[in-house]
């Protein structure tokens, strides 16, 4: 089991939250052995994660809230890269 970073984003007028799984940051796979190490990574990179996750949506999207979480998974599915140059095309 490993921990991965997930982001829940609430958008005004959208029927439910959007769940984003963060897969990598640059060339580094984001897989954590402990929840504490996952949370530490979020704390250290919170601003970058906020800016990146907001960039996944078209300009002017009314984002109401967002939260970063660490989820324990057995076999993580590939998610999105923080340094992807075209992240909006992957949603």
N, C-alpha and C. Protein backbone atom coordinates (compact mmCIF):
# COMPACT_ATOMS: atom_id res chain seq x y z
N UNK A 1 0.84 -1.17 0.00
CA UNK A 1 0.00 0.00 0.00
C UNK A 1 0.89 1.25 0.00
N UNK A 2 0.43 2.26 -0.73
CA UNK A 2 1.12 3.54 -0.77
C UNK A 2 0.09 4.65 -0.64
N UNK A 3 0.58 5.84 -0.36
CA UNK A 3 -0.30 7.02 -0.29
C UNK A 3 -0.05 7.86 -1.53
N UNK A 4 -1.14 8.40 -2.07
CA UNK A 4 -1.07 9.30 -3.22
C UNK A 4 -1.78 10.60 -2.87
N UNK A 5 -1.47 11.66 -3.61
CA UNK A 5 -2.11 12.95 -3.40
C UNK A 5 -3.35 13.04 -4.27
N UNK A 6 -4.45 13.43 -3.64
CA UNK A 6 -5.68 13.70 -4.38
C UNK A 6 -6.11 15.12 -4.08
N UNK A 7 -6.79 15.72 -5.04
CA UNK A 7 -7.30 17.08 -4.87
C UNK A 7 -8.79 17.04 -5.20
N UNK A 8 -9.60 17.51 -4.28
CA UNK A 8 -11.04 17.65 -4.51
C UNK A 8 -11.33 19.11 -4.79
N UNK A 9 -11.94 19.39 -5.93
CA UNK A 9 -12.24 20.76 -6.33
C UNK A 9 -13.75 20.91 -6.50
N UNK A 10 -14.31 21.92 -5.86
CA UNK A 10 -15.73 22.22 -6.00
C UNK A 10 -15.87 23.43 -6.92
N UNK A 11 -16.72 23.28 -7.94
CA UNK A 11 -16.94 24.33 -8.93
C UNK A 11 -18.39 24.77 -8.86
N UNK A 12 -18.61 26.07 -8.83
CA UNK A 12 -19.95 26.63 -8.77
C UNK A 12 -20.78 26.14 -9.96
N UNK A 13 -21.95 25.55 -9.68
CA UNK A 13 -22.85 25.09 -10.73
C UNK A 13 -22.55 23.70 -11.25
N UNK A 14 -21.46 23.09 -10.80
CA UNK A 14 -21.11 21.73 -11.23
C UNK A 14 -21.79 20.77 -10.26
N UNK A 15 -22.34 19.65 -10.74
CA UNK A 15 -23.14 18.78 -9.88
C UNK A 15 -22.39 18.07 -8.76
N UNK A 16 -21.10 18.02 -8.78
CA UNK A 16 -20.35 17.34 -7.72
C UNK A 16 -18.90 17.76 -7.76
N UNK A 17 -18.11 17.38 -6.77
CA UNK A 17 -16.70 17.75 -6.78
C UNK A 17 -15.92 17.00 -7.86
N UNK A 18 -14.85 17.60 -8.30
CA UNK A 18 -13.94 16.99 -9.27
C UNK A 18 -12.77 16.41 -8.48
N UNK A 19 -12.46 15.15 -8.72
CA UNK A 19 -11.34 14.50 -8.04
C UNK A 19 -10.16 14.41 -9.00
N UNK A 20 -9.03 14.95 -8.57
CA UNK A 20 -7.81 14.92 -9.37
C UNK A 20 -6.78 14.10 -8.60
N UNK A 21 -6.16 13.15 -9.27
CA UNK A 21 -5.08 12.37 -8.68
C UNK A 21 -3.76 12.88 -9.24
N UNK A 22 -2.86 13.27 -8.36
CA UNK A 22 -1.56 13.78 -8.80
C UNK A 22 -0.59 12.60 -8.88
N UNK A 23 -0.04 12.39 -10.07
CA UNK A 23 0.80 11.21 -10.31
C UNK A 23 2.28 11.49 -10.16
N UNK A 24 2.71 12.65 -10.63
CA UNK A 24 4.14 12.94 -10.59
C UNK A 24 4.37 14.43 -10.55
N UNK A 25 5.57 14.79 -10.13
CA UNK A 25 6.00 16.19 -10.10
C UNK A 25 7.35 16.20 -10.79
N UNK A 26 7.35 16.70 -12.03
CA UNK A 26 8.56 16.59 -12.84
C UNK A 26 8.78 15.13 -13.18
N UNK A 27 9.95 14.61 -12.91
CA UNK A 27 10.24 13.20 -13.18
C UNK A 27 10.02 12.33 -11.95
N UNK A 28 9.60 12.94 -10.84
CA UNK A 28 9.44 12.20 -9.58
C UNK A 28 8.02 11.66 -9.42
N UNK A 29 7.89 10.34 -9.32
CA UNK A 29 6.59 9.73 -9.03
C UNK A 29 6.20 10.07 -7.61
N UNK A 30 4.97 10.47 -7.41
CA UNK A 30 4.51 10.85 -6.08
C UNK A 30 3.79 9.67 -5.43
N UNK A 31 4.58 8.82 -4.81
CA UNK A 31 4.10 7.67 -4.06
C UNK A 31 4.77 7.74 -2.70
N UNK A 32 4.00 7.66 -1.64
CA UNK A 32 4.54 7.84 -0.30
C UNK A 32 4.28 6.61 0.55
N UNK A 33 5.28 6.24 1.35
CA UNK A 33 5.15 5.06 2.21
C UNK A 33 4.28 5.34 3.43
N UNK A 34 4.24 6.60 3.85
CA UNK A 34 3.44 6.95 5.02
C UNK A 34 2.54 8.15 4.72
N UNK A 35 1.46 8.25 5.46
CA UNK A 35 0.57 9.40 5.31
C UNK A 35 1.29 10.68 5.73
N UNK A 36 2.14 10.58 6.73
CA UNK A 36 2.88 11.75 7.21
C UNK A 36 3.79 12.32 6.12
N UNK A 37 4.47 11.44 5.38
CA UNK A 37 5.36 11.92 4.32
C UNK A 37 4.55 12.53 3.18
N UNK A 38 3.38 11.99 2.92
CA UNK A 38 2.49 12.55 1.90
C UNK A 38 2.03 13.94 2.30
N UNK A 39 1.57 14.08 3.54
CA UNK A 39 1.11 15.38 4.04
C UNK A 39 2.25 16.41 4.08
N UNK A 40 3.44 15.96 4.41
CA UNK A 40 4.59 16.86 4.42
C UNK A 40 4.87 17.39 3.01
N UNK A 41 4.75 16.52 2.02
CA UNK A 41 4.97 16.94 0.63
C UNK A 41 3.91 17.97 0.22
N UNK A 42 2.66 17.74 0.60
CA UNK A 42 1.60 18.70 0.28
C UNK A 42 1.91 20.04 0.94
N UNK A 43 2.29 20.01 2.20
CA UNK A 43 2.59 21.26 2.92
C UNK A 43 3.74 22.03 2.26
N UNK A 44 4.79 21.32 1.87
CA UNK A 44 5.95 21.95 1.24
C UNK A 44 5.65 22.50 -0.16
N UNK A 45 4.66 21.91 -0.84
CA UNK A 45 4.38 22.27 -2.24
C UNK A 45 2.96 22.80 -2.44
N UNK A 46 2.33 23.27 -1.38
CA UNK A 46 0.92 23.66 -1.46
C UNK A 46 0.65 24.73 -2.52
N UNK A 47 1.47 25.77 -2.56
CA UNK A 47 1.22 26.83 -3.53
C UNK A 47 1.31 26.31 -4.96
N UNK A 48 2.33 25.54 -5.25
CA UNK A 48 2.50 24.96 -6.59
C UNK A 48 1.30 24.08 -6.94
N UNK A 49 0.85 23.25 -6.00
CA UNK A 49 -0.31 22.39 -6.25
C UNK A 49 -1.58 23.19 -6.47
N UNK A 50 -1.74 24.30 -5.74
CA UNK A 50 -2.92 25.15 -5.93
C UNK A 50 -2.94 25.78 -7.31
N UNK A 51 -1.82 26.36 -7.69
CA UNK A 51 -1.72 27.01 -9.01
C UNK A 51 -1.92 25.99 -10.12
N UNK A 52 -1.26 24.84 -9.99
CA UNK A 52 -1.37 23.81 -11.02
C UNK A 52 -2.80 23.29 -11.15
N UNK A 53 -3.44 22.97 -10.01
CA UNK A 53 -4.79 22.41 -10.09
C UNK A 53 -5.78 23.41 -10.66
N UNK A 54 -5.63 24.69 -10.34
CA UNK A 54 -6.50 25.72 -10.91
C UNK A 54 -6.29 25.83 -12.42
N UNK A 55 -5.05 25.59 -12.89
CA UNK A 55 -4.75 25.71 -14.32
C UNK A 55 -5.39 24.60 -15.15
N UNK A 56 -5.91 23.57 -14.50
CA UNK A 56 -6.55 22.47 -15.22
C UNK A 56 -7.91 22.87 -15.78
N UNK A 57 -8.44 23.98 -15.30
CA UNK A 57 -9.77 24.42 -15.71
C UNK A 57 -9.66 25.67 -16.57
N UNK A 58 -10.64 25.89 -17.46
CA UNK A 58 -10.60 27.10 -18.29
C UNK A 58 -10.57 28.37 -17.44
N UNK A 59 -9.95 29.40 -17.97
CA UNK A 59 -9.88 30.68 -17.27
C UNK A 59 -11.30 31.15 -16.92
N UNK A 60 -11.47 31.67 -15.73
CA UNK A 60 -12.77 32.18 -15.31
C UNK A 60 -13.68 31.13 -14.68
N UNK A 61 -13.23 29.88 -14.60
CA UNK A 61 -14.04 28.83 -13.96
C UNK A 61 -14.25 29.21 -12.50
N UNK A 62 -15.50 29.22 -12.05
CA UNK A 62 -15.77 29.64 -10.66
C UNK A 62 -15.47 28.54 -9.64
N UNK A 63 -14.20 28.42 -9.27
CA UNK A 63 -13.79 27.42 -8.29
C UNK A 63 -14.18 27.93 -6.91
N UNK A 64 -14.99 27.14 -6.21
CA UNK A 64 -15.49 27.51 -4.90
C UNK A 64 -14.52 27.10 -3.80
N UNK A 65 -14.00 25.88 -3.90
CA UNK A 65 -13.06 25.40 -2.89
C UNK A 65 -12.24 24.24 -3.43
N UNK A 66 -11.20 23.93 -2.71
CA UNK A 66 -10.37 22.79 -3.06
C UNK A 66 -9.71 22.26 -1.80
N UNK A 67 -9.45 20.98 -1.78
CA UNK A 67 -8.76 20.40 -0.63
C UNK A 67 -7.77 19.34 -1.10
N UNK A 68 -6.65 19.28 -0.43
CA UNK A 68 -5.61 18.30 -0.72
C UNK A 68 -5.71 17.19 0.30
N UNK A 69 -5.62 15.96 -0.18
CA UNK A 69 -5.73 14.81 0.70
C UNK A 69 -4.70 13.76 0.33
N UNK A 70 -4.44 12.87 1.28
CA UNK A 70 -3.59 11.71 1.03
C UNK A 70 -4.48 10.48 1.11
N UNK A 71 -4.47 9.69 0.05
CA UNK A 71 -5.32 8.51 -0.01
C UNK A 71 -4.45 7.26 -0.08
N UNK A 72 -4.78 6.28 0.75
CA UNK A 72 -4.04 5.02 0.73
C UNK A 72 -4.64 4.13 -0.36
N UNK A 73 -3.78 3.65 -1.25
CA UNK A 73 -4.23 2.78 -2.34
C UNK A 73 -3.28 1.60 -2.48
N UNK A 74 -3.82 0.53 -3.04
CA UNK A 74 -2.99 -0.67 -3.25
C UNK A 74 -2.24 -0.58 -4.57
N UNK A 75 -2.94 -0.29 -5.64
CA UNK A 75 -2.34 -0.18 -6.97
C UNK A 75 -2.78 1.14 -7.59
N UNK A 76 -1.99 2.19 -7.43
CA UNK A 76 -2.41 3.49 -7.95
C UNK A 76 -2.49 3.53 -9.47
N UNK A 77 -3.56 4.12 -9.97
CA UNK A 77 -3.71 4.36 -11.40
C UNK A 77 -2.95 5.62 -11.76
N UNK A 78 -2.45 5.70 -12.98
CA UNK A 78 -1.76 6.93 -13.38
C UNK A 78 -2.70 8.12 -13.29
N UNK A 79 -2.17 9.22 -12.81
CA UNK A 79 -2.94 10.46 -12.71
C UNK A 79 -2.32 11.51 -13.60
N UNK A 80 -2.28 12.74 -13.12
CA UNK A 80 -1.76 13.86 -13.89
C UNK A 80 -0.41 14.30 -13.35
N UNK A 81 0.40 14.86 -14.22
CA UNK A 81 1.70 15.37 -13.84
C UNK A 81 1.59 16.85 -13.52
N UNK A 82 2.20 17.27 -12.41
CA UNK A 82 2.17 18.68 -12.04
C UNK A 82 2.84 19.55 -13.09
N UNK A 83 3.82 19.03 -13.79
CA UNK A 83 4.52 19.83 -14.78
C UNK A 83 4.08 19.53 -16.21
N UNK A 84 2.88 18.97 -16.38
CA UNK A 84 2.38 18.72 -17.72
C UNK A 84 2.16 20.06 -18.42
N UNK A 85 2.51 20.14 -19.69
CA UNK A 85 2.33 21.40 -20.40
C UNK A 85 0.92 21.54 -20.98
N UNK A 86 0.14 20.48 -21.01
CA UNK A 86 -1.23 20.59 -21.51
C UNK A 86 -2.19 19.83 -20.58
N UNK A 87 -2.23 20.20 -19.30
CA UNK A 87 -3.04 19.42 -18.36
C UNK A 87 -4.53 19.47 -18.64
N UNK A 88 -5.05 20.57 -19.19
CA UNK A 88 -6.49 20.68 -19.40
C UNK A 88 -7.00 19.68 -20.43
N UNK A 89 -6.13 19.20 -21.30
CA UNK A 89 -6.54 18.21 -22.30
C UNK A 89 -6.67 16.82 -21.70
N UNK A 90 -6.18 16.64 -20.46
CA UNK A 90 -6.22 15.31 -19.84
C UNK A 90 -7.45 15.12 -18.98
N UNK A 91 -8.26 16.12 -18.78
CA UNK A 91 -9.47 15.97 -17.94
C UNK A 91 -10.60 15.41 -18.77
